Amino acid sequence: MSIPTEFHNVTAPTKANVYFDGKVVSHTLLFADGSKKTLGLIYPGKYHFGTDKAERMEIVAGSCTVKIDGSAAVNTYAAGTFFDVPAKSGFDIEVSSGIAEYICSFIG
């Protein structure tokens, strides 16, 4: 699987989604078929996110470590890789240095 480098024919609301005092920021993309993705940046730190729908997090640049709720495993994801998070769940994500850039697809 290859990480997309651009999206065409989308609506991009101008208001950013800002979390953790600006250390995680994303912008929403709305597609004609009704699907939604967010493009974001994660600055160094450790954060927890809950999920309503299932999500696929594709890492565009940088790297992070992730622990999915209910799992003991902690995995590292670098640019070009992804991880899936179940619906009604959550995950801890940590960026130790630099900035991790991501695409979040809502898949459920």
PDB file of N, CA and C in Angstrom:
ATOM      1  N   MET A   1       0.839  -1.173   0.000  1.00  0.00           N
ATOM      2  CA  MET A   1       0.000   0.000   0.000  1.00  0.00           C
ATOM      3  C   MET A   1       0.889   1.243   0.000  1.00  0.00           C
ATOM      4  N   SER A   2       0.517   2.200  -0.812  1.00  0.00           N
ATOM      5  CA  SER A   2       1.300   3.422  -0.847  1.00  0.00           C
ATOM      6  C   SER A   2       0.482   4.569  -0.243  1.00  0.00           C
ATOM      7  N   ILE A   3       1.165   5.404   0.517  1.00  0.00           N
ATOM      8  CA  ILE A   3       0.525   6.542   1.184  1.00  0.00           C
ATOM      9  C   ILE A   3       0.233   7.607   0.120  1.00  0.00           C
ATOM     10  N   PRO A   4      -1.001   8.132   0.066  1.00  0.00           N
ATOM     11  CA  PRO A   4      -1.311   9.172  -0.927  1.00  0.00           C
ATOM     12  C   PRO A   4      -0.449  10.420  -0.723  1.00  0.00           C
ATOM     13  N   THR A   5      -0.121  11.088  -1.824  1.00  0.00           N
ATOM     14  CA  THR A   5       0.618  12.345  -1.748  1.00  0.00           C
ATOM     15  C   THR A   5      -0.278  13.546  -1.998  1.00  0.00           C
ATOM     16  N   GLU A   6      -1.491  13.322  -2.530  1.00  0.00           N
ATOM     17  CA  GLU A   6      -2.450  14.410  -2.714  1.00  0.00           C
ATOM     18  C   GLU A   6      -3.842  13.838  -2.900  1.00  0.00           C
ATOM     19  N   PHE A   7      -4.829  14.684  -2.668  1.00  0.00           N
ATOM     20  CA  PHE A   7      -6.234  14.322  -2.859  1.00  0.00           C
ATOM     21  C   PHE A   7      -6.864  15.347  -3.793  1.00  0.00           C
ATOM     22  N   HIS A   8      -7.743  14.891  -4.674  1.00  0.00           N
ATOM     23  CA  HIS A   8      -8.411  15.767  -5.626  1.00  0.00           C
ATOM     24  C   HIS A   8      -9.904  15.853  -5.308  1.00  0.00           C
ATOM     25  N   ASN A   9     -10.531  16.955  -5.734  1.00  0.00           N
ATOM     26  CA  ASN A   9     -11.983  17.122  -5.629  1.00  0.00           C
ATOM     27  C   ASN A   9     -12.497  16.927  -4.210  1.00  0.00           C
ATOM     28  N   VAL A  10     -11.923  17.683  -3.282  1.00  0.00           N
ATOM     29  CA  VAL A  10     -12.355  17.620  -1.885  1.00  0.00           C
ATOM     30  C   VAL A  10     -12.788  19.005  -1.415  1.00  0.00           C
ATOM     31  N   THR A  11     -13.574  19.017  -0.362  1.00  0.00           N
ATOM     32  CA  THR A  11     -13.890  20.250   0.340  1.00  0.00           C
ATOM     33  C   THR A  11     -13.057  20.252   1.606  1.00  0.00           C
ATOM     34  N   ALA A  12     -12.398  21.375   1.884  1.00  0.00           N
ATOM     35  CA  ALA A  12     -11.522  21.481   3.049  1.00  0.00           C
ATOM     36  C   ALA A  12     -11.996  22.647   3.921  1.00  0.00           C
ATOM     37  N   PRO A  13     -12.780  22.352   4.975  1.00  0.00           N
ATOM     38  CA  PRO A  13     -13.172  23.425   5.890  1.00  0.00           C
ATOM     39  C   PRO A  13     -11.920  24.129   6.435  1.00  0.00           C
ATOM     40  N   THR A  14     -11.984  25.440   6.585  1.00  0.00           N
ATOM     41  CA  THR A  14     -10.795  26.195   6.965  1.00  0.00           C
ATOM     42  C   THR A  14     -10.471  26.141   8.447  1.00  0.00           C
ATOM     43  N   LYS A  15     -11.415  25.782   9.299  1.00  0.00           N
ATOM     44  CA  LYS A  15     -11.180  25.721  10.738  1.00  0.00           C
ATOM     45  C   LYS A  15     -10.394  24.462  11.079  1.00  0.00           C
ATOM     46  N   ALA A  16      -9.264  24.641  11.754  1.00  0.00           N
ATOM     47  CA  ALA A  16      -8.428  23.504  12.169  1.00  0.00           C
ATOM     48  C   ALA A  16      -9.024  22.811  13.392  1.00  0.00           C
ATOM     49  N   ASN A  17      -8.688  21.547  13.542  1.00  0.00           N
ATOM     50  CA  ASN A  17      -8.980  20.780  14.752  1.00  0.00           C
ATOM     51  C   ASN A  17      -7.716  20.867  15.600  1.00  0.00           C
ATOM     52  N   VAL A  18      -7.789  21.514  16.752  1.00  0.00           N
ATOM     53  CA  VAL A  18      -6.607  21.751  17.578  1.00  0.00           C
ATOM     54  C   VAL A  18      -6.767  20.996  18.898  1.00  0.00           C
ATOM     55  N   TYR A  19      -5.791  20.166  19.226  1.00  0.00           N
ATOM     56  CA  TYR A  19      -5.816  19.348  20.433  1.00  0.00           C
ATOM     57  C   TYR A  19      -4.551  19.589  21.249  1.00  0.00           C
ATOM     58  N   PHE A  20      -4.638  19.323  22.535  1.00  0.00           N
ATOM     59  CA  PHE A  20      -3.468  19.347  23.423  1.00  0.00           C
ATOM     60  C   PHE A  20      -2.673  20.648  23.287  1.00  0.00           C
ATOM     61  N   ASP A  21      -3.390  21.768  23.440  1.00  0.00           N
ATOM     62  CA  ASP A  21      -2.756  23.097  23.401  1.00  0.00           C
ATOM     63  C   ASP A  21      -1.941  23.329  22.127  1.00  0.00           C
ATOM     64  N   GLY A  22      -2.437  22.818  21.004  1.00  0.00           N
ATOM     65  CA  GLY A  22      -1.782  23.052  19.723  1.00  0.00           C
ATOM     66  C   GLY A  22      -0.687  22.074  19.376  1.00  0.00           C
ATOM     67  N   LYS A  23      -0.477  21.048  20.192  1.00  0.00           N
ATOM     68  CA  LYS A  23       0.576  20.077  19.906  1.00  0.00           C
ATOM     69  C   LYS A  23       0.130  19.022  18.895  1.00  0.00           C
ATOM     70  N   VAL A  24      -1.184  18.927  18.660  1.00  0.00           N
ATOM     71  CA  VAL A  24      -1.740  18.079  17.608  1.00  0.00           C
ATOM     72  C   VAL A  24      -2.753  18.944  16.860  1.00  0.00           C
ATOM     73  N   VAL A  25      -2.555  19.083  15.555  1.00  0.00           N
ATOM     74  CA  VAL A  25      -3.426  19.928  14.736  1.00  0.00           C
ATOM     75  C   VAL A  25      -3.767  19.173  13.458  1.00  0.00           C
ATOM     76  N   SER A  26      -5.048  19.185  13.088  1.00  0.00           N
ATOM     77  CA  SER A  26      -5.439  18.540  11.831  1.00  0.00           C
ATOM     78  C   SER A  26      -6.450  19.402  11.095  1.00  0.00           C
ATOM     79  N   HIS A  27      -6.583  19.118   9.807  1.00  0.00           N
ATOM     80  CA  HIS A  27      -7.593  19.735   8.950  1.00  0.00           C
ATOM     81  C   HIS A  27      -8.424  18.630   8.326  1.00  0.00           C
ATOM     82  N   THR A  28      -9.719  18.872   8.216  1.00  0.00           N
ATOM     83  CA  THR A  28     -10.655  17.895   7.680  1.00  0.00           C
ATOM     84  C   THR A  28     -10.750  18.015   6.168  1.00  0.00           C
ATOM     85  N   LEU A  29     -10.836  16.873   5.495  1.00  0.00           N
ATOM     86  CA  LEU A  29     -11.130  16.804   4.065  1.00  0.00           C
ATOM     87  C   LEU A  29     -12.427  16.041   3.898  1.00  0.00           C
ATOM     88  N   LEU A  30     -13.372  16.622   3.157  1.00  0.00           N
ATOM     89  CA  LEU A  30     -14.656  15.977   2.889  1.00  0.00           C
ATOM     90  C   LEU A  30     -14.703  15.594   1.413  1.00  0.00           C
ATOM     91  N   PHE A  31     -15.026  14.331   1.144  1.00  0.00           N
ATOM     92  CA  PHE A  31     -15.039  13.811  -0.214  1.00  0.00           C
ATOM     93  C   PHE A  31     -16.469  13.739  -0.745  1.00  0.00           C
ATOM     94  N   ALA A  32     -16.607  13.759  -2.070  1.00  0.00           N
ATOM     95  CA  ALA A  32     -17.923  13.754  -2.716  1.00  0.00           C
ATOM     96  C   ALA A  32     -18.760  12.533  -2.330  1.00  0.00           C
ATOM     97  N   ASP A  33     -18.104  11.408  -2.019  1.00  0.00           N
ATOM     98  CA  ASP A  33     -18.849  10.192  -1.651  1.00  0.00           C
ATOM     99  C   ASP A  33     -19.300  10.196  -0.187  1.00  0.00           C
ATOM    100  N   GLY A  34     -19.033  11.295   0.525  1.00  0.00           N
ATOM    101  CA  GLY A  34     -19.439  11.402   1.927  1.00  0.00           C
ATOM    102  C   GLY A  34     -18.378  10.971   2.916  1.00  0.00           C
ATOM    103  N   SER A  35     -17.273  10.429   2.428  1.00  0.00           N
ATOM    104  CA  SER A  35     -16.209  10.008   3.342  1.00  0.00           C
ATOM    105  C   SER A  35     -15.423  11.216   3.836  1.00  0.00           C
ATOM    106  N   LYS A  36     -14.677  10.996   4.909  1.00  0.00           N
ATOM    107  CA  LYS A  36     -13.936  12.075   5.549  1.00  0.00           C
ATOM    108  C   LYS A  36     -12.559  11.569   5.952  1.00  0.00           C
ATOM    109  N   LYS A  37     -11.567  12.434   5.808  1.00  0.00           N
ATOM    110  CA  LYS A  37     -10.212  12.169   6.285  1.00  0.00           C
ATOM    111  C   LYS A  37      -9.742  13.429   7.000  1.00  0.00           C
ATOM    112  N   THR A  38      -8.726  13.259   7.833  1.00  0.00           N
ATOM    113  CA  THR A  38      -8.053  14.430   8.379  1.00  0.00           C
ATOM    114  C   THR A  38      -6.562  14.309   8.058  1.00  0.00           C
ATOM    115  N   LEU A  39      -5.948  15.464   7.837  1.00  0.00           N
ATOM    116  CA  LEU A  39      -4.507  15.558   7.629  1.00  0.00           C
ATOM    117  C   LEU A  39      -3.952  16.315   8.818  1.00  0.00           C
ATOM    118  N   GLY A  40      -2.927  15.780   9.464  1.00  0.00           N
ATOM    119  CA  GLY A  40      -2.477  16.455  10.666  1.00  0.00           C
ATOM    120  C   GLY A  40      -1.005  16.341  10.966  1.00  0.00           C
ATOM    121  N   LEU A  41      -0.638  17.095  12.006  1.00  0.00           N
ATOM    122  CA  LEU A  41       0.713  17.143  12.543  1.00  0.00           C
ATOM    123  C   LEU A  41       0.661  16.805  14.023  1.00  0.00           C
ATOM    124  N   ILE A  42       1.637  16.036  14.486  1.00  0.00           N
ATOM    125  CA  ILE A  42       1.762  15.729  15.908  1.00  0.00           C
ATOM    126  C   ILE A  42       3.166  16.141  16.335  1.00  0.00           C
ATOM    127  N   TYR A  43       3.223  17.091  17.252  1.00  0.00           N
ATOM    128  CA  TYR A  43       4.493  17.564  17.785  1.00  0.00           C
ATOM    129  C   TYR A  43       4.937  16.650  18.919  1.00  0.00           C
ATOM    130  N   PRO A  44       6.203  16.721  19.331  1.00  0.00           N
ATOM    131  CA  PRO A  44       6.695  15.817  20.375  1.00  0.00           C
ATOM    132  C   PRO A  44       5.827  15.843  21.639  1.00  0.00           C
ATOM    133  N   GLY A  45       5.582  14.634  22.161  1.00  0.00           N
ATOM    134  CA  GLY A  45       4.782  14.458  23.361  1.00  0.00           C
ATOM    135  C   GLY A  45       4.055  13.137  23.299  1.00  0.00           C
ATOM    136  N   LYS A  46       3.264  12.862  24.345  1.00  0.00           N
ATOM    137  CA  LYS A  46       2.478  11.633  24.415  1.00  0.00           C
ATOM    138  C   LYS A  46       1.022  12.029  24.587  1.00  0.00           C
ATOM    139  N   TYR A  47       0.140  11.439  23.782  1.00  0.00           N
ATOM    140  CA  TYR A  47      -1.265  11.842  23.730  1.00  0.00           C
ATOM    141  C   TYR A  47      -2.148  10.607  23.664  1.00  0.00           C
ATOM    142  N   HIS A  48      -3.381  10.747  24.145  1.00  0.00           N
ATOM    143  CA  HIS A  48      -4.364   9.668  24.026  1.00  0.00           C
ATOM    144  C   HIS A  48      -5.559  10.172  23.243  1.00  0.00           C
ATOM    145  N   PHE A  49      -5.994   9.370  22.277  1.00  0.00           N
ATOM    146  CA  PHE A  49      -7.183   9.694  21.486  1.00  0.00           C
ATOM    147  C   PHE A  49      -8.184   8.565  21.599  1.00  0.00           C
ATOM    148  N   GLY A  50      -9.445   8.902  21.746  1.00  0.00           N
ATOM    149  CA  GLY A  50     -10.530   7.934  21.687  1.00  0.00           C
ATOM    150  C   GLY A  50     -11.082   7.893  20.273  1.00  0.00           C
ATOM    151  N   THR A  51     -11.656   6.766  19.899  1.00  0.00           N
ATOM    152  CA  THR A  51     -12.252   6.633  18.575  1.00  0.00           C
ATOM    153  C   THR A  51     -13.728   6.309  18.707  1.00  0.00           C
ATOM    154  N   ASP A  52     -14.518   6.922  17.850  1.00  0.00           N
ATOM    155  CA  ASP A  52     -15.927   6.556  17.731  1.00  0.00           C
ATOM    156  C   ASP A  52     -16.033   5.544  16.598  1.00  0.00           C
ATOM    157  N   LYS A  53     -15.585   5.958  15.415  1.00  0.00           N
ATOM    158  CA  LYS A  53     -15.523   5.058  14.263  1.00  0.00           C
ATOM    159  C   LYS A  53     -14.124   4.456  14.176  1.00  0.00           C
ATOM    160  N   ALA A  54     -14.008   3.360  13.445  1.00  0.00           N
ATOM    161  CA  ALA A  54     -12.694   2.767  13.200  1.00  0.00           C
ATOM    162  C   ALA A  54     -11.870   3.745  12.368  1.00  0.00           C
ATOM    163  N   GLU A  55     -10.565   3.751  12.609  1.00  0.00           N
ATOM    164  CA  GLU A  55      -9.673   4.685  11.920  1.00  0.00           C
ATOM    165  C   GLU A  55      -8.447   3.966  11.390  1.00  0.00           C
ATOM    166  N   ARG A  56      -7.943   4.474  10.274  1.00  0.00           N
ATOM    167  CA  ARG A  56      -6.630   4.065   9.768  1.00  0.00           C
ATOM    168  C   ARG A  56      -5.743   5.305   9.816  1.00  0.00           C
ATOM    169  N   MET A  57      -4.635   5.193  10.518  1.00  0.00           N
ATOM    170  CA  MET A  57      -3.672   6.286  10.628  1.00  0.00           C
ATOM    171  C   MET A  57      -2.467   5.952   9.751  1.00  0.00           C
ATOM    172  N   GLU A  58      -2.288   6.726   8.682  1.00  0.00           N
ATOM    173  CA  GLU A  58      -1.160   6.554   7.778  1.00  0.00           C
ATOM    174  C   GLU A  58      -0.113   7.614   8.125  1.00  0.00           C
ATOM    175  N   ILE A  59       1.100   7.202   8.340  1.00  0.00           N
ATOM    176  CA  ILE A  59       2.168   8.131   8.695  1.00  0.00           C
ATOM    177  C   ILE A  59       2.835   8.619   7.403  1.00  0.00           C
ATOM    178  N   VAL A  60       2.747   9.927   7.178  1.00  0.00           N
ATOM    179  CA  VAL A  60       3.277  10.548   5.965  1.00  0.00           C
ATOM    180  C   VAL A  60       4.749  10.919   6.140  1.00  0.00           C
ATOM    181  N   ALA A  61       5.095  11.425   7.324  1.00  0.00           N
ATOM    182  CA  ALA A  61       6.477  11.837   7.605  1.00  0.00           C
ATOM    183  C   ALA A  61       6.716  11.698   9.099  1.00  0.00           C
ATOM    184  N   GLY A  62       7.991  11.522   9.478  1.00  0.00           N
ATOM    185  CA  GLY A  62       8.329  11.364  10.884  1.00  0.00           C
ATOM    186  C   GLY A  62       8.029   9.956  11.363  1.00  0.00           C
ATOM    187  N   SER A  63       7.960   9.804  12.682  1.00  0.00           N
ATOM    188  CA  SER A  63       7.650   8.495  13.256  1.00  0.00           C
ATOM    189  C   SER A  63       6.988   8.670  14.611  1.00  0.00           C
ATOM    190  N   CYS A  64       6.378   7.581  15.084  1.00  0.00           N
ATOM    191  CA  CYS A  64       5.680   7.609  16.363  1.00  0.00           C
ATOM    192  C   CYS A  64       5.628   6.199  16.926  1.00  0.00           C
ATOM    193  N   THR A  65       5.363   6.105  18.226  1.00  0.00           N
ATOM    194  CA  THR A  65       5.081   4.817  18.844  1.00  0.00           C
ATOM    195  C   THR A  65       3.615   4.844  19.269  1.00  0.00           C
ATOM    196  N   VAL A  66       2.965   3.687  19.162  1.00  0.00           N
ATOM    197  CA  VAL A  66       1.525   3.595  19.375  1.00  0.00           C
ATOM    198  C   VAL A  66       1.189   2.376  20.210  1.00  0.00           C
ATOM    199  N   LYS A  67       0.272   2.573  21.146  1.00  0.00           N
ATOM    200  CA  LYS A  67      -0.309   1.470  21.911  1.00  0.00           C
ATOM    201  C   LYS A  67      -1.826   1.575  21.775  1.00  0.00           C
ATOM    202  N   ILE A  68      -2.427   0.559  21.159  1.00  0.00           N
ATOM    203  CA  ILE A  68      -3.881   0.512  20.987  1.00  0.00           C
ATOM    204  C   ILE A  68      -4.513   0.095  22.320  1.00  0.00           C
ATOM    205  N   ASP A  69      -5.599   0.759  22.711  1.00  0.00           N
ATOM    206  CA  ASP A  69      -6.290   0.396  23.947  1.00  0.00           C
ATOM    207  C   ASP A  69      -6.576  -1.102  23.970  1.00  0.00           C
ATOM    208  N   GLY A  70      -6.332  -1.739  25.113  1.00  0.00           N
ATOM    209  CA  GLY A  70      -6.610  -3.161  25.285  1.00  0.00           C
ATOM    210  C   GLY A  70      -5.491  -4.072  24.808  1.00  0.00           C
ATOM    211  N   SER A  71      -4.442  -3.503  24.232  1.00  0.00           N
ATOM    212  CA  SER A  71      -3.308  -4.297  23.757  1.00  0.00           C
ATOM    213  C   SER A  71      -2.079  -3.948  24.583  1.00  0.00           C
ATOM    214  N   ALA A  72      -1.242  -4.923  24.838  1.00  0.00           N
ATOM    215  CA  ALA A  72      -0.001  -4.663  25.568  1.00  0.00           C
ATOM    216  C   ALA A  72       1.106  -4.212  24.619  1.00  0.00           C
ATOM    217  N   ALA A  73       0.925  -4.469  23.321  1.00  0.00           N
ATOM    218  CA  ALA A  73       1.972  -4.188  22.339  1.00  0.00           C
ATOM    219  C   ALA A  73       2.135  -2.687  22.101  1.00  0.00           C
ATOM    220  N   VAL A  74       3.388  -2.263  22.041  1.00  0.00           N
ATOM    221  CA  VAL A  74       3.727  -0.896  21.644  1.00  0.00           C
ATOM    222  C   VAL A  74       4.543  -1.028  20.360  1.00  0.00           C
ATOM    223  N   ASN A  75       4.054  -0.401  19.287  1.00  0.00           N
ATOM    224  CA  ASN A  75       4.711  -0.521  17.984  1.00  0.00           C
ATOM    225  C   ASN A  75       5.165   0.840  17.486  1.00  0.00           C
ATOM    226  N   THR A  76       6.232   0.829  16.708  1.00  0.00           N
ATOM    227  CA  THR A  76       6.751   2.052  16.101  1.00  0.00           C
ATOM    228  C   THR A  76       6.325   2.088  14.646  1.00  0.00           C
ATOM    229  N   TYR A  77       5.872   3.270  14.214  1.00  0.00           N
ATOM    230  CA  TYR A  77       5.433   3.465  12.836  1.00  0.00           C
ATOM    231  C   TYR A  77       6.215   4.626  12.240  1.00  0.00           C
ATOM    232  N   ALA A  78       6.809   4.392  11.079  1.00  0.00           N
ATOM    233  CA  ALA A  78       7.587   5.408  10.381  1.00  0.00           C
ATOM    234  C   ALA A  78       6.834   5.821   9.118  1.00  0.00           C
ATOM    235  N   ALA A  79       7.358   6.833   8.452  1.00  0.00           N
ATOM    236  CA  ALA A  79       6.750   7.298   7.203  1.00  0.00           C
ATOM    237  C   ALA A  79       6.533   6.131   6.253  1.00  0.00           C
ATOM    238  N   GLY A  80       5.348   6.085   5.651  1.00  0.00           N
ATOM    239  CA  GLY A  80       5.019   5.021   4.709  1.00  0.00           C
ATOM    240  C   GLY A  80       4.321   3.835   5.334  1.00  0.00           C
ATOM    241  N   THR A  81       4.091   3.874   6.652  1.00  0.00           N
ATOM    242  CA  THR A  81       3.407   2.771   7.332  1.00  0.00           C
ATOM    243  C   THR A  81       2.079   3.271   7.898  1.00  0.00           C
ATOM    244  N   PHE A  82       1.266   2.339   8.386  1.00  0.00           N
ATOM    245  CA  PHE A  82      -0.032   2.707   8.953  1.00  0.00           C
ATOM    246  C   PHE A  82      -0.409   1.759  10.079  1.00  0.00           C
ATOM    247  N   PHE A  83      -1.393   2.193  10.873  1.00  0.00           N
ATOM    248  CA  PHE A  83      -2.001   1.319  11.871  1.00  0.00           C
ATOM    249  C   PHE A  83      -3.493   1.579  11.893  1.00  0.00           C
ATOM    250  N   ASP A  84      -4.258   0.549  12.282  1.00  0.00           N
ATOM    251  CA  ASP A  84      -5.710   0.637  12.370  1.00  0.00           C
ATOM    252  C   ASP A  84      -6.136   0.633  13.831  1.00  0.00           C
ATOM    253  N   VAL A  85      -7.159   1.420  14.123  1.00  0.00           N
ATOM    254  CA  VAL A  85      -7.702   1.506  15.470  1.00  0.00           C
ATOM    255  C   VAL A  85      -9.178   1.106  15.396  1.00  0.00           C
ATOM    256  N   PRO A  86      -9.608   0.154  16.225  1.00  0.00           N
ATOM    257  CA  PRO A  86     -11.013  -0.270  16.182  1.00  0.00           C
ATOM    258  C   PRO A  86     -11.971   0.848  16.613  1.00  0.00           C
ATOM    259  N   ALA A  87     -13.214   0.723  16.182  1.00  0.00           N
ATOM    260  CA  ALA A  87     -14.264   1.646  16.618  1.00  0.00           C
ATOM    261  C   ALA A  87     -14.461   1.524  18.128  1.00  0.00           C
ATOM    262  N   LYS A  88     -14.921   2.603  18.736  1.00  0.00           N
ATOM    263  CA  LYS A  88     -15.204   2.629  20.185  1.00  0.00           C
ATOM    264  C   LYS A  88     -13.997   2.178  20.998  1.00  0.00           C
ATOM    265  N   SER A  89     -12.834   2.638  20.598  1.00  0.00           N
ATOM    266  CA  SER A  89     -11.588   2.253  21.243  1.00  0.00           C
ATOM    267  C   SER A  89     -10.756   3.511  21.450  1.00  0.00           C
ATOM    268  N   GLY A  90      -9.447   3.360  21.340  1.00  0.00           N
ATOM    269  CA  GLY A  90      -8.564   4.502  21.473  1.00  0.00           C
ATOM    270  C   GLY A  90      -7.128   4.050  21.373  1.00  0.00           C
ATOM    271  N   PHE A  91      -6.221   5.022  21.470  1.00  0.00           N
ATOM    272  CA  PHE A  91      -4.807   4.703  21.371  1.00  0.00           C
ATOM    273  C   PHE A  91      -3.978   5.797  22.015  1.00  0.00           C
ATOM    274  N   ASP A  92      -2.807   5.377  22.519  1.00  0.00           N
ATOM    275  CA  ASP A  92      -1.781   6.298  22.978  1.00  0.00           C
ATOM    276  C   ASP A  92      -0.801   6.447  21.834  1.00  0.00           C
ATOM    277  N   ILE A  93      -0.405   7.683  21.561  1.00  0.00           N
ATOM    278  CA  ILE A  93       0.580   7.928  20.507  1.00  0.00           C
ATOM    279  C   ILE A  93       1.648   8.847  21.068  1.00  0.00           C
ATOM    280  N   GLU A  94       2.900   8.512  20.777  1.00  0.00           N
ATOM    281  CA  GLU A  94       4.012   9.315  21.271  1.00  0.00           C
ATOM    282  C   GLU A  94       4.956   9.646  20.127  1.00  0.00           C
ATOM    283  N   VAL A  95       5.317  10.913  20.050  1.00  0.00           N
ATOM    284  CA  VAL A  95       6.327  11.390  19.111  1.00  0.00           C
ATOM    285  C   VAL A  95       7.493  11.852  19.966  1.00  0.00           C
ATOM    286  N   SER A  96       8.659  11.230  19.790  1.00  0.00           N
ATOM    287  CA  SER A  96       9.790  11.564  20.653  1.00  0.00           C
ATOM    288  C   SER A  96      10.601  12.739  20.133  1.00  0.00           C
ATOM    289  N   SER A  97      10.638  12.930  18.811  1.00  0.00           N
ATOM    290  CA  SER A  97      11.359  14.078  18.257  1.00  0.00           C
ATOM    291  C   SER A  97      10.817  14.390  16.875  1.00  0.00           C
ATOM    292  N   GLY A  98      11.018  15.609  16.432  1.00  0.00           N
ATOM    293  CA  GLY A  98      10.519  16.015  15.129  1.00  0.00           C
ATOM    294  C   GLY A  98       9.005  16.131  15.132  1.00  0.00           C
ATOM    295  N   ILE A  99       8.420  16.064  13.973  1.00  0.00           N
ATOM    296  CA  ILE A  99       6.972  16.164  13.812  1.00  0.00           C
ATOM    297  C   ILE A  99       6.502  14.959  13.018  1.00  0.00           C
ATOM    298  N   ALA A 100       5.467  14.284  13.516  1.00  0.00           N
ATOM    299  CA  ALA A 100       4.844  13.195  12.740  1.00  0.00           C
ATOM    300  C   ALA A 100       3.691  13.798  11.958  1.00  0.00           C
ATOM    301  N   GLU A 101       3.641  13.524  10.667  1.00  0.00           N
ATOM    302  CA  GLU A 101       2.542  13.962   9.820  1.00  0.00           C
ATOM    303  C   GLU A 101       1.707  12.740   9.484  1.00  0.00           C
ATOM    304  N   TYR A 102       0.378  12.908   9.470  1.00  0.00           N
ATOM    305  CA  TYR A 102      -0.486  11.751   9.261  1.00  0.00           C
ATOM    306  C   TYR A 102      -1.705  12.069   8.414  1.00  0.00           C
ATOM    307  N   ILE A 103      -2.281  11.000   7.872  1.00  0.00           N
ATOM    308  CA  ILE A 103      -3.604  11.007   7.242  1.00  0.00           C
ATOM    309  C   ILE A 103      -4.449  10.058   8.067  1.00  0.00           C
ATOM    310  N   CYS A 104      -5.567  10.538   8.586  1.00  0.00           N
ATOM    311  CA  CYS A 104      -6.488   9.685   9.324  1.00  0.00           C
ATOM    312  C   CYS A 104      -7.725   9.451   8.462  1.00  0.00           C
ATOM    313  N   SER A 105      -8.002   8.187   8.149  1.00  0.00           N
ATOM    314  CA  SER A 105      -9.184   7.809   7.387  1.00  0.00           C
ATOM    315  C   SER A 105     -10.176   7.163   8.337  1.00  0.00           C
ATOM    316  N   PHE A 106     -11.418   7.589   8.250  1.00  0.00           N
ATOM    317  CA  PHE A 106     -12.482   7.019   9.080  1.00  0.00           C
ATOM    318  C   PHE A 106     -13.089   5.878   8.301  1.00  0.00           C
ATOM    319  N   ILE A 107     -12.878   4.638   8.793  1.00  0.00           N
ATOM    320  CA  ILE A 107     -13.187   3.450   7.987  1.00  0.00           C
ATOM    321  C   ILE A 107     -14.368   2.645   8.507  1.00  0.00           C
ATOM    322  N   GLY A 108     -15.016   3.136   9.545  1.00  0.00           N
ATOM    323  CA  GLY A 108     -16.145   2.357  10.049  1.00  0.00           C
ATOM    324  C   GLY A 108     -17.298   3.211  10.452  1.00  0.00           C
TER     325      GLY A 108
END
